[in-house]
Amino acid sequence: MGLYLVESILNGAIEDKDAFEKKVAEIQADLSGKSASLIEIQVSSDLSRAFFIFESEERNTVNNSLRELGVPITLIKPVRLVGKDLEDVKKQADVVNYLVEWNLPENLTMDAYLDRKSKNSVHYAEVPEVAFSRTYVCEDMTKCLCFYDAPDESTVKKAREAVSAPIDTITQILPRS
């Protein structure tokens, strides 16, 4: 089984939190008999973008299910989870309220990324008000998504500076019920 990141620009397709939760339930029901599962979904606080992580035998299972349900797909890529065990993510026990996207430099390898992350992550302690949760790194090394629990955007920026990690986009995440 592999992990897949799916990004969706919702373009007003989801109008409120209840409609979002209903769509998530539809996706979970649709995938239940298809050897695929929704590991997590995060949606921006303005409901304009959604970030899904699926576990599936193949990409087409996820792609076809979402298309059948009318979920627009702007990106679908295999990813690797870093910083947390998959079973812990499945429990959905931690809170995240910010997502940082970083478009990785062209020559960065997965090994170099993981080495860099290992060396720099100790510096998160310099910004105790921010809790790093997990990262999904695209296997093609084009981008990564990092999830945080923080009081505000400026402290997320401060934490990223502490670990010497760039930011391309910060998205505030809608709290889940």
C-alpha atoms as a PDB file:
ATOM      1  CA  MET A   1       0.000   0.000   0.000  1.00  0.00           C
ATOM      2  CA  GLY A   2       1.216   3.481  -0.837  1.00  0.00           C
ATOM      3  CA  LEU A   3       0.341   6.923   0.425  1.00  0.00           C
ATOM      4  CA  TYR A   4      -1.007   9.539  -1.979  1.00  0.00           C
ATOM      5  CA  LEU A   5      -1.400  13.263  -1.566  1.00  0.00           C
ATOM      6  CA  VAL A   6      -4.346  14.770  -3.389  1.00  0.00           C
ATOM      7  CA  GLU A   7      -4.771  18.517  -3.516  1.00  0.00           C
ATOM      8  CA  SER A   8      -8.053  20.058  -4.530  1.00  0.00           C
ATOM      9  CA  ILE A   9      -9.041  23.623  -5.269  1.00  0.00           C
ATOM     10  CA  LEU A  10     -12.681  23.585  -4.258  1.00  0.00           C
ATOM     11  CA  ASN A  11     -13.788  26.747  -6.116  1.00  0.00           C
ATOM     12  CA  GLY A  12     -16.908  27.165  -4.018  1.00  0.00           C
ATOM     13  CA  ALA A  13     -17.915  23.486  -4.356  1.00  0.00           C
ATOM     14  CA  ILE A  14     -18.036  23.284  -0.539  1.00  0.00           C
ATOM     15  CA  GLU A  15     -19.921  26.154   1.075  1.00  0.00           C
ATOM     16  CA  ASP A  16     -19.664  25.354   4.774  1.00  0.00           C
ATOM     17  CA  LYS A  17     -18.198  22.972   7.334  1.00  0.00           C
ATOM     18  CA  ASP A  18     -21.270  20.696   7.299  1.00  0.00           C
ATOM     19  CA  ALA A  19     -21.056  20.271   3.522  1.00  0.00           C
ATOM     20  CA  PHE A  20     -17.350  19.515   3.895  1.00  0.00           C
ATOM     21  CA  GLU A  21     -17.985  16.838   6.548  1.00  0.00           C
ATOM     22  CA  LYS A  22     -20.725  15.323   4.356  1.00  0.00           C
ATOM     23  CA  LYS A  23     -18.309  15.122   1.393  1.00  0.00           C
ATOM     24  CA  VAL A  24     -15.679  13.447   3.597  1.00  0.00           C
ATOM     25  CA  ALA A  25     -18.263  10.841   4.663  1.00  0.00           C
ATOM     26  CA  GLU A  26     -19.144  10.211   0.983  1.00  0.00           C
ATOM     27  CA  ILE A  27     -15.485   9.686   0.123  1.00  0.00           C
ATOM     28  CA  GLN A  28     -14.964   7.284   3.020  1.00  0.00           C
ATOM     29  CA  ALA A  29     -18.080   5.289   2.097  1.00  0.00           C
ATOM     30  CA  ASP A  30     -17.080   5.120  -1.567  1.00  0.00           C
ATOM     31  CA  LEU A  31     -13.587   3.848  -0.770  1.00  0.00           C
ATOM     32  CA  SER A  32     -14.674   1.275   1.822  1.00  0.00           C
ATOM     33  CA  GLY A  33     -14.827  -1.579  -0.672  1.00  0.00           C
ATOM     34  CA  LYS A  34     -11.996  -0.498  -2.950  1.00  0.00           C
ATOM     35  CA  SER A  35      -8.736  -1.374  -1.116  1.00  0.00           C
ATOM     36  CA  ALA A  36      -8.161   2.307  -0.381  1.00  0.00           C
ATOM     37  CA  SER A  37      -8.738   4.491   2.647  1.00  0.00           C
ATOM     38  CA  LEU A  38      -8.728   8.158   3.546  1.00  0.00           C
ATOM     39  CA  ILE A  39      -5.985   8.649   6.117  1.00  0.00           C
ATOM     40  CA  GLU A  40      -6.567  12.341   6.672  1.00  0.00           C
ATOM     41  CA  ILE A  41      -8.040  15.413   5.102  1.00  0.00           C
ATOM     42  CA  GLN A  42      -7.324  19.011   5.939  1.00  0.00           C
ATOM     43  CA  VAL A  43      -9.202  21.935   4.448  1.00  0.00           C
ATOM     44  CA  SER A  44      -8.261  25.593   4.499  1.00  0.00           C
ATOM     45  CA  SER A  45     -10.227  27.766   6.900  1.00  0.00           C
ATOM     46  CA  ASP A  46     -11.808  29.591   3.944  1.00  0.00           C
ATOM     47  CA  LEU A  47     -12.845  26.237   2.371  1.00  0.00           C
ATOM     48  CA  SER A  48     -10.961  27.044  -0.852  1.00  0.00           C
ATOM     49  CA  ARG A  49      -8.429  24.190  -0.776  1.00  0.00           C
ATOM     50  CA  ALA A  50      -8.376  20.630   0.526  1.00  0.00           C
ATOM     51  CA  PHE A  51      -5.430  18.309   1.167  1.00  0.00           C
ATOM     52  CA  PHE A  52      -6.177  14.589   1.270  1.00  0.00           C
ATOM     53  CA  ILE A  53      -3.867  11.728   2.212  1.00  0.00           C
ATOM     54  CA  PHE A  54      -4.992   8.316   0.975  1.00  0.00           C
ATOM     55  CA  GLU A  55      -3.595   4.853   1.444  1.00  0.00           C
ATOM     56  CA  SER A  56      -4.164   2.726  -1.636  1.00  0.00           C
ATOM     57  CA  GLU A  57      -2.738  -0.065  -3.757  1.00  0.00           C
ATOM     58  CA  GLU A  58      -2.806   2.234  -6.771  1.00  0.00           C
ATOM     59  CA  ARG A  59      -3.276   5.847  -7.735  1.00  0.00           C
ATOM     60  CA  ASN A  60      -6.173   5.223 -10.138  1.00  0.00           C
ATOM     61  CA  THR A  61      -8.420   3.909  -7.364  1.00  0.00           C
ATOM     62  CA  VAL A  62      -8.166   7.244  -5.564  1.00  0.00           C
ATOM     63  CA  ASN A  63      -8.334   9.299  -8.764  1.00  0.00           C
ATOM     64  CA  ASN A  64     -11.426   7.526 -10.104  1.00  0.00           C
ATOM     65  CA  SER A  65     -13.323   7.642  -6.793  1.00  0.00           C
ATOM     66  CA  LEU A  66     -12.782  11.359  -6.336  1.00  0.00           C
ATOM     67  CA  ARG A  67     -13.738  12.151  -9.917  1.00  0.00           C
ATOM     68  CA  GLU A  68     -16.937  10.073  -9.593  1.00  0.00           C
ATOM     69  CA  LEU A  69     -17.812  12.080  -6.468  1.00  0.00           C
ATOM     70  CA  GLY A  70     -17.160  15.399  -8.212  1.00  0.00           C
ATOM     71  CA  VAL A  71     -14.090  16.325  -6.170  1.00  0.00           C
ATOM     72  CA  PRO A  72     -11.752  18.436  -8.330  1.00  0.00           C
ATOM     73  CA  ILE A  73      -8.155  17.178  -8.376  1.00  0.00           C
ATOM     74  CA  THR A  74      -5.315  19.627  -8.958  1.00  0.00           C
ATOM     75  CA  LEU A  75      -2.502  17.307  -7.849  1.00  0.00           C
ATOM     76  CA  ILE A  76      -2.094  13.643  -7.014  1.00  0.00           C
ATOM     77  CA  LYS A  77       1.315  12.239  -6.057  1.00  0.00           C
ATOM     78  CA  PRO A  78       2.810   9.435  -4.006  1.00  0.00           C
ATOM     79  CA  VAL A  79       4.184  10.717  -0.696  1.00  0.00           C
ATOM     80  CA  ARG A  80       6.248   9.578   2.246  1.00  0.00           C
ATOM     81  CA  LEU A  81       5.224  10.351   5.822  1.00  0.00           C
ATOM     82  CA  VAL A  82       8.017  11.848   7.953  1.00  0.00           C
ATOM     83  CA  GLY A  83       7.964  12.700  11.646  1.00  0.00           C
ATOM     84  CA  LYS A  84       5.114  10.492  12.771  1.00  0.00           C
ATOM     85  CA  ASP A  85       4.062   6.870  12.529  1.00  0.00           C
ATOM     86  CA  LEU A  86       1.201   6.162  10.104  1.00  0.00           C
ATOM     87  CA  GLU A  87      -0.795   4.342  12.793  1.00  0.00           C
ATOM     88  CA  ASP A  88      -0.615   7.462  14.990  1.00  0.00           C
ATOM     89  CA  VAL A  89      -1.851   9.658  12.129  1.00  0.00           C
ATOM     90  CA  LYS A  90      -4.757   7.267  11.557  1.00  0.00           C
ATOM     91  CA  LYS A  91      -5.866   7.821  15.176  1.00  0.00           C
ATOM     92  CA  GLN A  92      -6.261  11.563  14.384  1.00  0.00           C
ATOM     93  CA  ALA A  93      -5.368  12.392  17.964  1.00  0.00           C
ATOM     94  CA  ASP A  94      -3.281  15.515  17.392  1.00  0.00           C
ATOM     95  CA  VAL A  95      -4.534  18.932  16.402  1.00  0.00           C
ATOM     96  CA  VAL A  96      -3.075  20.825  13.464  1.00  0.00           C
ATOM     97  CA  ASN A  97      -4.127  24.283  12.451  1.00  0.00           C
ATOM     98  CA  TYR A  98      -1.424  25.340   9.970  1.00  0.00           C
ATOM     99  CA  LEU A  99      -0.020  23.715   6.873  1.00  0.00           C
ATOM    100  CA  VAL A 100       3.226  24.888   5.292  1.00  0.00           C
ATOM    101  CA  GLU A 101       4.004  24.047   1.688  1.00  0.00           C
ATOM    102  CA  TRP A 102       7.592  24.067   0.512  1.00  0.00           C
ATOM    103  CA  ASN A 103       8.484  23.503  -3.144  1.00  0.00           C
ATOM    104  CA  LEU A 104      11.735  21.592  -2.815  1.00  0.00           C
ATOM    105  CA  PRO A 105      14.867  22.634  -4.714  1.00  0.00           C
ATOM    106  CA  GLU A 106      15.574  20.598  -7.852  1.00  0.00           C
ATOM    107  CA  ASN A 107      18.765  18.883  -6.702  1.00  0.00           C
ATOM    108  CA  LEU A 108      17.563  17.807  -3.258  1.00  0.00           C
ATOM    109  CA  THR A 109      17.433  14.031  -2.771  1.00  0.00           C
ATOM    110  CA  MET A 110      15.214  12.215  -0.282  1.00  0.00           C
ATOM    111  CA  ASP A 111      18.261  11.100   1.725  1.00  0.00           C
ATOM    112  CA  ALA A 112      19.629  14.660   1.865  1.00  0.00           C
ATOM    113  CA  TYR A 113      16.181  15.974   2.847  1.00  0.00           C
ATOM    114  CA  LEU A 114      15.809  13.419   5.651  1.00  0.00           C
ATOM    115  CA  ASP A 115      19.348  14.102   6.895  1.00  0.00           C
ATOM    116  CA  ARG A 116      18.694  17.855   6.896  1.00  0.00           C
ATOM    117  CA  LYS A 117      15.386  17.385   8.703  1.00  0.00           C
ATOM    118  CA  SER A 118      16.984  15.161  11.336  1.00  0.00           C
ATOM    119  CA  LYS A 119      19.734  17.689  12.057  1.00  0.00           C
ATOM    120  CA  ASN A 120      17.500  20.767  12.093  1.00  0.00           C
ATOM    121  CA  SER A 121      14.353  19.491  13.836  1.00  0.00           C
ATOM    122  CA  VAL A 122      15.960  19.813  17.282  1.00  0.00           C
ATOM    123  CA  HIS A 123      15.655  23.582  16.800  1.00  0.00           C
ATOM    124  CA  TYR A 124      11.861  23.412  17.080  1.00  0.00           C
ATOM    125  CA  ALA A 125      12.528  23.530  20.837  1.00  0.00           C
ATOM    126  CA  GLU A 126      13.514  27.191  20.351  1.00  0.00           C
ATOM    127  CA  VAL A 127       9.860  27.968  19.567  1.00  0.00           C
ATOM    128  CA  PRO A 128       7.952  25.984  22.230  1.00  0.00           C
ATOM    129  CA  GLU A 129       4.594  27.574  21.408  1.00  0.00           C
ATOM    130  CA  VAL A 130       4.613  25.712  18.069  1.00  0.00           C
ATOM    131  CA  ALA A 131       4.172  21.948  17.864  1.00  0.00           C
ATOM    132  CA  PHE A 132       5.434  20.260  14.702  1.00  0.00           C
ATOM    133  CA  SER A 133       3.259  17.266  13.863  1.00  0.00           C
ATOM    134  CA  ARG A 134       4.245  15.629  10.572  1.00  0.00           C
ATOM    135  CA  THR A 135       5.444  16.105   7.017  1.00  0.00           C
ATOM    136  CA  TYR A 136       4.424  14.482   3.758  1.00  0.00           C
ATOM    137  CA  VAL A 137       7.218  14.556   1.173  1.00  0.00           C
ATOM    138  CA  CYS A 138       6.349  13.890  -2.464  1.00  0.00           C
ATOM    139  CA  GLU A 139       8.374  10.898  -3.641  1.00  0.00           C
ATOM    140  CA  ASP A 140       9.381  12.858  -6.769  1.00  0.00           C
ATOM    141  CA  MET A 141      10.961  15.456  -4.425  1.00  0.00           C
ATOM    142  CA  THR A 142       8.940  18.382  -5.792  1.00  0.00           C
ATOM    143  CA  LYS A 143       7.282  19.535  -2.565  1.00  0.00           C
ATOM    144  CA  CYS A 144       6.469  18.769   1.021  1.00  0.00           C
ATOM    145  CA  LEU A 145       3.590  19.619   3.339  1.00  0.00           C
ATOM    146  CA  CYS A 146       4.364  20.228   7.012  1.00  0.00           C
ATOM    147  CA  PHE A 147       1.630  20.335   9.653  1.00  0.00           C
ATOM    148  CA  TYR A 148       1.769  22.411  12.839  1.00  0.00           C
ATOM    149  CA  ASP A 149      -0.285  23.400  15.840  1.00  0.00           C
ATOM    150  CA  ALA A 150       0.479  27.064  16.534  1.00  0.00           C
ATOM    151  CA  PRO A 151      -1.183  30.148  17.999  1.00  0.00           C
ATOM    152  CA  ASP A 152      -0.783  32.144  14.766  1.00  0.00           C
ATOM    153  CA  GLU A 153       0.961  32.377  11.413  1.00  0.00           C
ATOM    154  CA  SER A 154       3.856  34.461  12.725  1.00  0.00           C
ATOM    155  CA  THR A 155       4.905  31.749  15.188  1.00  0.00           C
ATOM    156  CA  VAL A 156       4.836  29.173  12.378  1.00  0.00           C
ATOM    157  CA  LYS A 157       7.209  31.450  10.444  1.00  0.00           C
ATOM    158  CA  LYS A 158       9.399  31.741  13.535  1.00  0.00           C
ATOM    159  CA  ALA A 159       9.530  27.928  13.865  1.00  0.00           C
ATOM    160  CA  ARG A 160      10.428  27.515  10.189  1.00  0.00           C
ATOM    161  CA  GLU A 161      13.232  30.042  10.617  1.00  0.00           C
ATOM    162  CA  ALA A 162      14.514  28.124  13.657  1.00  0.00           C
ATOM    163  CA  VAL A 163      14.823  24.923  11.593  1.00  0.00           C
ATOM    164  CA  SER A 164      16.138  26.789   8.517  1.00  0.00           C
ATOM    165  CA  ALA A 165      13.240  25.667   6.346  1.00  0.00           C
ATOM    166  CA  PRO A 166      11.679  27.849   3.650  1.00  0.00           C
ATOM    167  CA  ILE A 167       7.978  28.570   3.229  1.00  0.00           C
ATOM    168  CA  ASP A 168       6.192  28.861  -0.091  1.00  0.00           C
ATOM    169  CA  THR A 169       2.658  28.957   1.316  1.00  0.00           C
ATOM    170  CA  ILE A 170       1.061  28.914   4.769  1.00  0.00           C
ATOM    171  CA  THR A 171      -2.540  27.795   5.006  1.00  0.00           C
ATOM    172  CA  GLN A 172      -4.685  28.049   8.107  1.00  0.00           C
ATOM    173  CA  ILE A 173      -6.607  24.797   8.561  1.00  0.00           C
ATOM    174  CA  LEU A 174     -10.294  24.573   9.475  1.00  0.00           C
ATOM    175  CA  PRO A 175     -10.761  22.820  12.832  1.00  0.00           C
ATOM    176  CA  ARG A 176     -12.382  19.397  12.492  1.00  0.00           C
ATOM    177  CA  SER A 177     -15.255  18.279  14.676  1.00  0.00           C
END
